[in-house]
């Protein structure tokens, strides 16, 4: 029973501390969020294209070697 109360008190303390920390966060504006999202999408597309080309090249090399 003591362990349960200890666990519950730790959870409560964690939630209170998390609430305090979330108040300190500087949230992005919608414009900043859109700009960041756009950058992430472009970078993901570039990396995907690069990895696709590398995969295609390695596949062709392996097919040449194996026959």
C-alpha atoms as a PDB file:
ATOM      1  CA  UNK A   1       0.000   0.000   0.000  1.00  0.00           C
ATOM      2  CA  UNK A   2       2.898   2.350   0.801  1.00  0.00           C
ATOM      3  CA  UNK A   3       4.482   1.610  -2.589  1.00  0.00           C
ATOM      4  CA  UNK A   4       1.249   2.532  -4.378  1.00  0.00           C
ATOM      5  CA  UNK A   5       1.041   5.864  -2.523  1.00  0.00           C
ATOM      6  CA  UNK A   6       4.691   6.539  -3.364  1.00  0.00           C
ATOM      7  CA  UNK A   7       4.097   5.802  -7.040  1.00  0.00           C
ATOM      8  CA  UNK A   8       0.994   8.009  -7.115  1.00  0.00           C
ATOM      9  CA  UNK A   9       2.861  10.892  -5.457  1.00  0.00           C
ATOM     10  CA  UNK A  10       5.728  10.556  -7.954  1.00  0.00           C
ATOM     11  CA  UNK A  11       3.280  10.613 -10.869  1.00  0.00           C
ATOM     12  CA  UNK A  12       1.607  13.707  -9.433  1.00  0.00           C
ATOM     13  CA  UNK A  13       4.949  15.454  -8.982  1.00  0.00           C
ATOM     14  CA  UNK A  14       5.957  14.544 -12.539  1.00  0.00           C
ATOM     15  CA  UNK A  15       2.716  15.959 -13.961  1.00  0.00           C
ATOM     16  CA  UNK A  16       3.079  19.212 -11.990  1.00  0.00           C
ATOM     17  CA  UNK A  17       6.677  19.636 -13.160  1.00  0.00           C
ATOM     18  CA  UNK A  18       5.692  18.850 -16.752  1.00  0.00           C
ATOM     19  CA  UNK A  19       2.972  21.528 -16.600  1.00  0.00           C
ATOM     20  CA  UNK A  20       5.515  24.101 -15.356  1.00  0.00           C
ATOM     21  CA  UNK A  21       7.952  23.189 -18.134  1.00  0.00           C
ATOM     22  CA  UNK A  22       5.268  23.402 -20.825  1.00  0.00           C
ATOM     23  CA  UNK A  23       4.507  26.971 -19.712  1.00  0.00           C
ATOM     24  CA  UNK A  24       8.168  27.850 -20.397  1.00  0.00           C
ATOM     25  CA  UNK A  25       8.084  26.541 -23.968  1.00  0.00           C
ATOM     26  CA  UNK A  26       8.219  29.107 -26.751  1.00  0.00           C
ATOM     27  CA  UNK A  27       5.669  27.778 -29.216  1.00  0.00           C
ATOM     28  CA  UNK A  28       6.158  28.611 -32.906  1.00  0.00           C
ATOM     29  CA  UNK A  29       3.735  30.838 -34.732  1.00  0.00           C
ATOM     30  CA  UNK A  30       1.664  29.218 -37.493  1.00  0.00           C
ATOM     31  CA  UNK A  31       3.916  30.897 -40.069  1.00  0.00           C
ATOM     32  CA  UNK A  32       7.070  29.490 -38.412  1.00  0.00           C
ATOM     33  CA  UNK A  33       5.495  26.041 -38.130  1.00  0.00           C
ATOM     34  CA  UNK A  34       4.562  26.085 -41.832  1.00  0.00           C
ATOM     35  CA  UNK A  35       8.070  27.189 -42.829  1.00  0.00           C
ATOM     36  CA  UNK A  36       9.697  24.481 -40.703  1.00  0.00           C
ATOM     37  CA  UNK A  37       7.331  21.844 -42.045  1.00  0.00           C
ATOM     38  CA  UNK A  38       8.104  22.896 -45.614  1.00  0.00           C
ATOM     39  CA  UNK A  39      11.839  22.609 -44.991  1.00  0.00           C
ATOM     40  CA  UNK A  40      11.411  19.144 -43.487  1.00  0.00           C
ATOM     41  CA  UNK A  41       9.310  17.958 -46.436  1.00  0.00           C
ATOM     42  CA  UNK A  42      11.846  19.252 -48.976  1.00  0.00           C
ATOM     43  CA  UNK A  43      14.785  17.659 -47.120  1.00  0.00           C
ATOM     44  CA  UNK A  44      12.924  14.340 -46.844  1.00  0.00           C
ATOM     45  CA  UNK A  45      12.198  14.398 -50.574  1.00  0.00           C
ATOM     46  CA  UNK A  46      15.845  15.143 -51.428  1.00  0.00           C
ATOM     47  CA  UNK A  47      17.160  12.393 -49.140  1.00  0.00           C
ATOM     48  CA  UNK A  48      14.561   9.943 -50.489  1.00  0.00           C
ATOM     49  CA  UNK A  49      15.568  10.703 -54.062  1.00  0.00           C
ATOM     50  CA  UNK A  50      19.258  10.284 -53.209  1.00  0.00           C
ATOM     51  CA  UNK A  51      18.691   6.982 -51.408  1.00  0.00           C
ATOM     52  CA  UNK A  52      16.485   5.738 -54.262  1.00  0.00           C
ATOM     53  CA  UNK A  53      19.225   6.485 -56.790  1.00  0.00           C
ATOM     54  CA  UNK A  54      21.863   4.795 -54.613  1.00  0.00           C
ATOM     55  CA  UNK A  55      19.593   1.764 -54.164  1.00  0.00           C
ATOM     56  CA  UNK A  56      18.959   1.547 -57.890  1.00  0.00           C
ATOM     57  CA  UNK A  57      22.678   1.765 -58.622  1.00  0.00           C
ATOM     58  CA  UNK A  58      23.615  -0.853 -56.053  1.00  0.00           C
ATOM     59  CA  UNK A  59      20.879  -3.179 -57.331  1.00  0.00           C
ATOM     60  CA  UNK A  60      22.234  -2.945 -60.871  1.00  0.00           C
ATOM     61  CA  UNK A  61      25.810  -3.538 -59.676  1.00  0.00           C
ATOM     62  CA  UNK A  62      24.751  -6.625 -57.711  1.00  0.00           C
ATOM     63  CA  UNK A  63      22.808  -7.984 -60.705  1.00  0.00           C
ATOM     64  CA  UNK A  64      25.905  -7.520 -62.905  1.00  0.00           C
ATOM     65  CA  UNK A  65      28.136  -9.284 -60.401  1.00  0.00           C
ATOM     66  CA  UNK A  66      25.751 -12.171 -59.711  1.00  0.00           C
ATOM     67  CA  UNK A  67      24.875 -12.717 -63.257  1.00  0.00           C
END
